[in-house]
Amino acid sequence: MNAESTMNAESTARSRAEVADEVSKWTVGLGIITFALFPLALPILILTAIAVLPLLLPALAVGLLIGVVAVPILAVRSLRRRAIRARRSKGKRALDQGFAIREARSVDSQAC
């Protein structure tokens, strides 16, 4: 190994140590700030929720308005579908009964 590669290896090791030291300092600093501000976290969250509430009220009003309009429309659609199904099943039963009556009449007429 020559002197240049030895110096390069030492500087790389030194820069890694400096990076690790800097990351450690930042982590400790953030931990101290977090620990100091932790007692304020709940009041800040509550105040934020109260501050955002007026912004949510128009959205809630629009949602309720859409619901008031949509519910009758959906109810009419549902009732219409049920009526159509009832007509189809009633018509099918009438056809089945009609065939049964015709068959019974044809059996009666053949017996005579």
N, C-alpha and C. Protein backbone atom coordinates (compact mmCIF):
# COMPACT_ATOMS: atom_id res chain seq x y z
N MET A 1 0.84 -1.18 0.00
CA MET A 1 0.00 0.00 0.00
C MET A 1 0.87 1.24 0.00
N ASN A 2 0.48 2.18 -0.77
CA ASN A 2 1.25 3.41 -0.78
C ASN A 2 0.63 4.42 0.19
N ALA A 3 1.25 5.51 0.37
CA ALA A 3 0.83 6.51 1.35
C ALA A 3 -0.48 7.17 0.95
N GLU A 4 -0.70 7.31 -0.35
CA GLU A 4 -1.91 7.98 -0.82
C GLU A 4 -3.16 7.15 -0.50
N SER A 5 -3.11 5.85 -0.73
CA SER A 5 -4.28 5.01 -0.44
C SER A 5 -4.51 4.90 1.06
N THR A 6 -3.46 4.96 1.86
CA THR A 6 -3.61 4.92 3.31
C THR A 6 -4.30 6.19 3.79
N MET A 7 -3.93 7.34 3.24
CA MET A 7 -4.56 8.59 3.63
C MET A 7 -6.03 8.62 3.19
N ASN A 8 -6.31 8.05 2.01
CA ASN A 8 -7.67 8.02 1.50
C ASN A 8 -8.55 7.15 2.41
N ALA A 9 -8.04 6.03 2.86
CA ALA A 9 -8.78 5.13 3.75
C ALA A 9 -9.02 5.80 5.08
N GLU A 10 -8.02 6.53 5.59
CA GLU A 10 -8.18 7.22 6.86
C GLU A 10 -9.22 8.34 6.75
N SER A 11 -9.22 9.07 5.64
CA SER A 11 -10.18 10.16 5.49
C SER A 11 -11.59 9.61 5.33
N THR A 12 -11.73 8.45 4.67
CA THR A 12 -13.05 7.84 4.54
C THR A 12 -13.56 7.38 5.90
N ALA A 13 -12.68 6.78 6.68
CA ALA A 13 -13.07 6.34 8.02
C ALA A 13 -13.41 7.54 8.89
N ARG A 14 -12.65 8.62 8.76
CA ARG A 14 -12.90 9.81 9.54
C ARG A 14 -14.24 10.44 9.12
N SER A 15 -14.53 10.48 7.81
CA SER A 15 -15.78 11.08 7.36
C SER A 15 -16.98 10.23 7.82
N ARG A 16 -16.83 8.90 7.84
CA ARG A 16 -17.91 8.06 8.35
C ARG A 16 -18.15 8.33 9.82
N ALA A 17 -17.10 8.49 10.57
CA ALA A 17 -17.23 8.79 12.00
C ALA A 17 -17.89 10.15 12.20
N GLU A 18 -17.53 11.12 11.37
CA GLU A 18 -18.15 12.44 11.47
C GLU A 18 -19.64 12.38 11.15
N VAL A 19 -20.01 11.61 10.15
CA VAL A 19 -21.43 11.47 9.78
C VAL A 19 -22.19 10.81 10.92
N ALA A 20 -21.62 9.74 11.48
CA ALA A 20 -22.27 9.07 12.61
C ALA A 20 -22.40 10.00 13.80
N ASP A 21 -21.37 10.80 14.06
CA ASP A 21 -21.42 11.75 15.17
C ASP A 21 -22.49 12.81 14.92
N GLU A 22 -22.61 13.29 13.69
CA GLU A 22 -23.60 14.32 13.38
C GLU A 22 -25.02 13.75 13.49
N VAL A 23 -25.22 12.53 12.99
CA VAL A 23 -26.54 11.90 13.10
C VAL A 23 -26.90 11.71 14.57
N SER A 24 -25.93 11.31 15.36
CA SER A 24 -26.17 11.13 16.80
C SER A 24 -26.56 12.45 17.46
N LYS A 25 -25.89 13.53 17.10
CA LYS A 25 -26.23 14.84 17.67
C LYS A 25 -27.66 15.24 17.30
N TRP A 26 -28.01 15.08 16.03
CA TRP A 26 -29.36 15.44 15.59
C TRP A 26 -30.42 14.58 16.29
N THR A 27 -30.14 13.30 16.44
CA THR A 27 -31.10 12.41 17.10
C THR A 27 -31.30 12.81 18.55
N VAL A 28 -30.21 13.11 19.25
CA VAL A 28 -30.33 13.54 20.64
C VAL A 28 -31.07 14.87 20.72
N GLY A 29 -30.77 15.79 19.84
CA GLY A 29 -31.45 17.09 19.84
C GLY A 29 -32.95 16.95 19.60
N LEU A 30 -33.33 16.13 18.61
CA LEU A 30 -34.74 15.91 18.35
C LEU A 30 -35.43 15.22 19.52
N GLY A 31 -34.72 14.31 20.17
CA GLY A 31 -35.28 13.64 21.35
C GLY A 31 -35.54 14.63 22.48
N ILE A 32 -34.60 15.54 22.70
CA ILE A 32 -34.77 16.55 23.75
C ILE A 32 -35.95 17.47 23.43
N ILE A 33 -36.05 17.90 22.19
CA ILE A 33 -37.17 18.79 21.80
C ILE A 33 -38.50 18.06 21.93
N THR A 34 -38.54 16.79 21.49
CA THR A 34 -39.77 16.01 21.60
C THR A 34 -40.18 15.84 23.05
N PHE A 35 -39.22 15.51 23.89
CA PHE A 35 -39.52 15.31 25.30
C PHE A 35 -39.99 16.61 25.95
N ALA A 36 -39.43 17.74 25.52
CA ALA A 36 -39.83 19.03 26.09
C ALA A 36 -41.22 19.45 25.62
N LEU A 37 -41.56 19.11 24.38
CA LEU A 37 -42.84 19.53 23.82
C LEU A 37 -43.96 18.52 24.04
N PHE A 38 -43.65 17.33 24.54
CA PHE A 38 -44.67 16.29 24.71
C PHE A 38 -45.84 16.73 25.58
N PRO A 39 -45.62 17.44 26.69
CA PRO A 39 -46.78 17.86 27.50
C PRO A 39 -47.72 18.82 26.76
N LEU A 40 -47.22 19.46 25.71
CA LEU A 40 -48.05 20.39 24.94
C LEU A 40 -48.77 19.70 23.78
N ALA A 41 -48.49 18.43 23.53
CA ALA A 41 -49.03 17.76 22.35
C ALA A 41 -50.55 17.68 22.39
N LEU A 42 -51.12 17.25 23.50
CA LEU A 42 -52.57 17.09 23.59
C LEU A 42 -53.31 18.43 23.46
N PRO A 43 -52.88 19.47 24.16
CA PRO A 43 -53.56 20.75 23.94
C PRO A 43 -53.44 21.27 22.51
N ILE A 44 -52.30 21.04 21.88
CA ILE A 44 -52.14 21.49 20.49
C ILE A 44 -53.08 20.72 19.58
N LEU A 45 -53.22 19.41 19.80
CA LEU A 45 -54.15 18.62 18.99
C LEU A 45 -55.59 19.09 19.18
N ILE A 46 -55.96 19.37 20.41
CA ILE A 46 -57.33 19.84 20.68
C ILE A 46 -57.58 21.19 20.03
N LEU A 47 -56.63 22.11 20.17
CA LEU A 47 -56.78 23.43 19.56
C LEU A 47 -56.82 23.34 18.03
N THR A 48 -56.04 22.43 17.47
CA THR A 48 -56.06 22.24 16.02
C THR A 48 -57.42 21.71 15.57
N ALA A 49 -57.98 20.76 16.31
CA ALA A 49 -59.30 20.21 15.96
C ALA A 49 -60.37 21.30 16.03
N ILE A 50 -60.29 22.15 17.05
CA ILE A 50 -61.27 23.24 17.19
C ILE A 50 -61.09 24.25 16.07
N ALA A 51 -59.85 24.51 15.68
CA ALA A 51 -59.59 25.47 14.61
C ALA A 51 -60.05 24.95 13.25
N VAL A 52 -59.99 23.64 13.04
CA VAL A 52 -60.38 23.05 11.76
C VAL A 52 -61.89 22.85 11.67
N LEU A 53 -62.57 22.80 12.80
CA LEU A 53 -64.01 22.54 12.83
C LEU A 53 -64.82 23.48 11.94
N PRO A 54 -64.57 24.80 11.95
CA PRO A 54 -65.34 25.67 11.05
C PRO A 54 -65.12 25.36 9.57
N LEU A 55 -63.96 24.82 9.24
CA LEU A 55 -63.70 24.45 7.85
C LEU A 55 -64.46 23.19 7.47
N LEU A 56 -64.76 22.33 8.43
CA LEU A 56 -65.47 21.08 8.15
C LEU A 56 -66.98 21.27 8.10
N LEU A 57 -67.49 22.31 8.73
CA LEU A 57 -68.94 22.52 8.75
C LEU A 57 -69.54 22.71 7.36
N PRO A 58 -68.95 23.50 6.47
CA PRO A 58 -69.52 23.59 5.11
C PRO A 58 -69.51 22.24 4.39
N ALA A 59 -68.45 21.47 4.56
CA ALA A 59 -68.39 20.15 3.93
C ALA A 59 -69.48 19.24 4.49
N LEU A 60 -69.71 19.32 5.79
CA LEU A 60 -70.77 18.52 6.41
C LEU A 60 -72.14 18.96 5.90
N ALA A 61 -72.34 20.25 5.76
CA ALA A 61 -73.62 20.75 5.24
C ALA A 61 -73.85 20.29 3.80
N VAL A 62 -72.83 20.33 2.98
CA VAL A 62 -72.95 19.86 1.60
C VAL A 62 -73.25 18.36 1.58
N GLY A 63 -72.60 17.61 2.44
CA GLY A 63 -72.85 16.17 2.52
C GLY A 63 -74.28 15.86 2.93
N LEU A 64 -74.79 16.60 3.90
CA LEU A 64 -76.19 16.41 4.31
C LEU A 64 -77.15 16.78 3.20
N LEU A 65 -76.86 17.86 2.49
CA LEU A 65 -77.71 18.27 1.38
C LEU A 65 -77.73 17.21 0.29
N ILE A 66 -76.59 16.67 -0.03
CA ILE A 66 -76.52 15.60 -1.03
C ILE A 66 -77.30 14.38 -0.54
N GLY A 67 -77.18 14.06 0.74
CA GLY A 67 -77.92 12.93 1.30
C GLY A 67 -79.41 13.14 1.23
N VAL A 68 -79.86 14.36 1.52
CA VAL A 68 -81.31 14.65 1.48
C VAL A 68 -81.84 14.51 0.06
N VAL A 69 -81.03 14.86 -0.93
CA VAL A 69 -81.46 14.73 -2.32
C VAL A 69 -81.34 13.28 -2.80
N ALA A 70 -80.28 12.60 -2.39
CA ALA A 70 -80.01 11.26 -2.90
C ALA A 70 -80.93 10.20 -2.31
N VAL A 71 -81.31 10.32 -1.05
CA VAL A 71 -82.13 9.28 -0.42
C VAL A 71 -83.48 9.10 -1.12
N PRO A 72 -84.23 10.15 -1.42
CA PRO A 72 -85.50 9.92 -2.14
C PRO A 72 -85.29 9.32 -3.53
N ILE A 73 -84.25 9.75 -4.21
CA ILE A 73 -83.98 9.20 -5.54
C ILE A 73 -83.69 7.70 -5.45
N LEU A 74 -82.85 7.32 -4.50
CA LEU A 74 -82.54 5.90 -4.32
C LEU A 74 -83.77 5.11 -3.88
N ALA A 75 -84.61 5.70 -3.05
CA ALA A 75 -85.82 5.01 -2.61
C ALA A 75 -86.77 4.78 -3.78
N VAL A 76 -86.93 5.77 -4.65
CA VAL A 76 -87.79 5.61 -5.82
C VAL A 76 -87.24 4.53 -6.75
N ARG A 77 -85.95 4.52 -6.96
CA ARG A 77 -85.34 3.48 -7.80
C ARG A 77 -85.59 2.10 -7.22
N SER A 78 -85.40 1.97 -5.93
CA SER A 78 -85.59 0.68 -5.27
C SER A 78 -87.04 0.22 -5.39
N LEU A 79 -87.98 1.12 -5.15
CA LEU A 79 -89.40 0.76 -5.25
C LEU A 79 -89.76 0.39 -6.69
N ARG A 80 -89.21 1.10 -7.65
CA ARG A 80 -89.47 0.80 -9.06
C ARG A 80 -88.95 -0.59 -9.41
N ARG A 81 -87.75 -0.92 -8.96
CA ARG A 81 -87.19 -2.25 -9.23
C ARG A 81 -88.04 -3.34 -8.61
N ARG A 82 -88.49 -3.12 -7.37
CA ARG A 82 -89.34 -4.11 -6.71
C ARG A 82 -90.65 -4.30 -7.47
N ALA A 83 -91.23 -3.20 -7.95
CA ALA A 83 -92.49 -3.29 -8.69
C ALA A 83 -92.29 -4.06 -9.99
N ILE A 84 -91.20 -3.80 -10.67
CA ILE A 84 -90.92 -4.51 -11.93
C ILE A 84 -90.73 -5.99 -11.66
N ARG A 85 -89.98 -6.33 -10.61
CA ARG A 85 -89.79 -7.74 -10.26
C ARG A 85 -91.11 -8.40 -9.89
N ALA A 86 -91.94 -7.69 -9.16
CA ALA A 86 -93.23 -8.26 -8.75
C ALA A 86 -94.10 -8.50 -9.98
N ARG A 87 -94.09 -7.58 -10.93
CA ARG A 87 -94.88 -7.76 -12.16
C ARG A 87 -94.38 -8.96 -12.95
N ARG A 88 -93.06 -9.08 -13.05
CA ARG A 88 -92.49 -10.20 -13.81
C ARG A 88 -92.86 -11.53 -13.16
N SER A 89 -92.68 -11.59 -11.83
CA SER A 89 -92.98 -12.86 -11.16
C SER A 89 -94.48 -13.14 -11.19
N LYS A 90 -95.30 -12.10 -11.10
CA LYS A 90 -96.76 -12.29 -11.18
C LYS A 90 -97.16 -12.75 -12.57
N GLY A 91 -96.58 -12.15 -13.58
CA GLY A 91 -96.86 -12.56 -14.95
C GLY A 91 -96.41 -13.98 -15.22
N LYS A 92 -95.27 -14.33 -14.69
CA LYS A 92 -94.76 -15.69 -14.87
C LYS A 92 -95.67 -16.70 -14.18
N ARG A 93 -96.12 -16.36 -12.96
CA ARG A 93 -97.05 -17.26 -12.26
C ARG A 93 -98.36 -17.39 -13.01
N ALA A 94 -98.83 -16.28 -13.58
CA ALA A 94 -100.08 -16.32 -14.34
C ALA A 94 -99.91 -17.19 -15.57
N LEU A 95 -98.76 -17.07 -16.24
CA LEU A 95 -98.51 -17.92 -17.40
C LEU A 95 -98.46 -19.39 -16.99
N ASP A 96 -97.76 -19.67 -15.88
CA ASP A 96 -97.67 -21.05 -15.41
C ASP A 96 -99.06 -21.59 -15.08
N GLN A 97 -99.85 -20.78 -14.41
CA GLN A 97 -101.20 -21.21 -14.05
C GLN A 97 -102.06 -21.36 -15.30
N GLY A 98 -101.87 -20.48 -16.27
CA GLY A 98 -102.62 -20.57 -17.52
C GLY A 98 -102.30 -21.85 -18.25
N PHE A 99 -101.02 -22.22 -18.29
CA PHE A 99 -100.65 -23.48 -18.92
C PHE A 99 -101.24 -24.65 -18.16
N ALA A 100 -101.26 -24.56 -16.84
CA ALA A 100 -101.81 -25.64 -16.03
C ALA A 100 -103.31 -25.78 -16.30
N ILE A 101 -104.01 -24.64 -16.40
CA ILE A 101 -105.45 -24.68 -16.67
C ILE A 101 -105.70 -25.27 -18.05
N ARG A 102 -104.92 -24.87 -19.05
CA ARG A 102 -105.09 -25.39 -20.41
C ARG A 102 -104.83 -26.89 -20.45
N GLU A 103 -103.78 -27.32 -19.74
CA GLU A 103 -103.47 -28.75 -19.72
C GLU A 103 -104.58 -29.52 -19.04
N ALA A 104 -105.13 -28.97 -17.95
CA ALA A 104 -106.22 -29.66 -17.24
C ALA A 104 -107.44 -29.74 -18.15
N ARG A 105 -107.74 -28.69 -18.89
CA ARG A 105 -108.89 -28.70 -19.79
C ARG A 105 -108.68 -29.71 -20.91
N SER A 106 -107.45 -29.76 -21.42
CA SER A 106 -107.20 -30.70 -22.51
C SER A 106 -107.27 -32.15 -22.00
N VAL A 107 -106.85 -32.39 -20.77
CA VAL A 107 -106.95 -33.73 -20.20
C VAL A 107 -108.42 -34.06 -19.99
N ASP A 108 -109.23 -33.09 -19.49
CA ASP A 108 -110.65 -33.31 -19.27
C ASP A 108 -111.38 -33.58 -20.60
N SER A 109 -111.01 -32.83 -21.63
CA SER A 109 -111.67 -33.01 -22.92
C SER A 109 -111.30 -34.34 -23.56
N GLN A 110 -110.10 -34.79 -23.32
CA GLN A 110 -109.66 -36.08 -23.86
C GLN A 110 -110.34 -37.23 -23.11
N ALA A 111 -110.64 -37.05 -21.83
CA ALA A 111 -111.27 -38.09 -21.04
C ALA A 111 -112.71 -38.31 -21.46
N CYS A 112 -113.35 -37.28 -21.94
CA CYS A 112 -114.75 -37.42 -22.31
C CYS A 112 -114.96 -38.12 -23.58
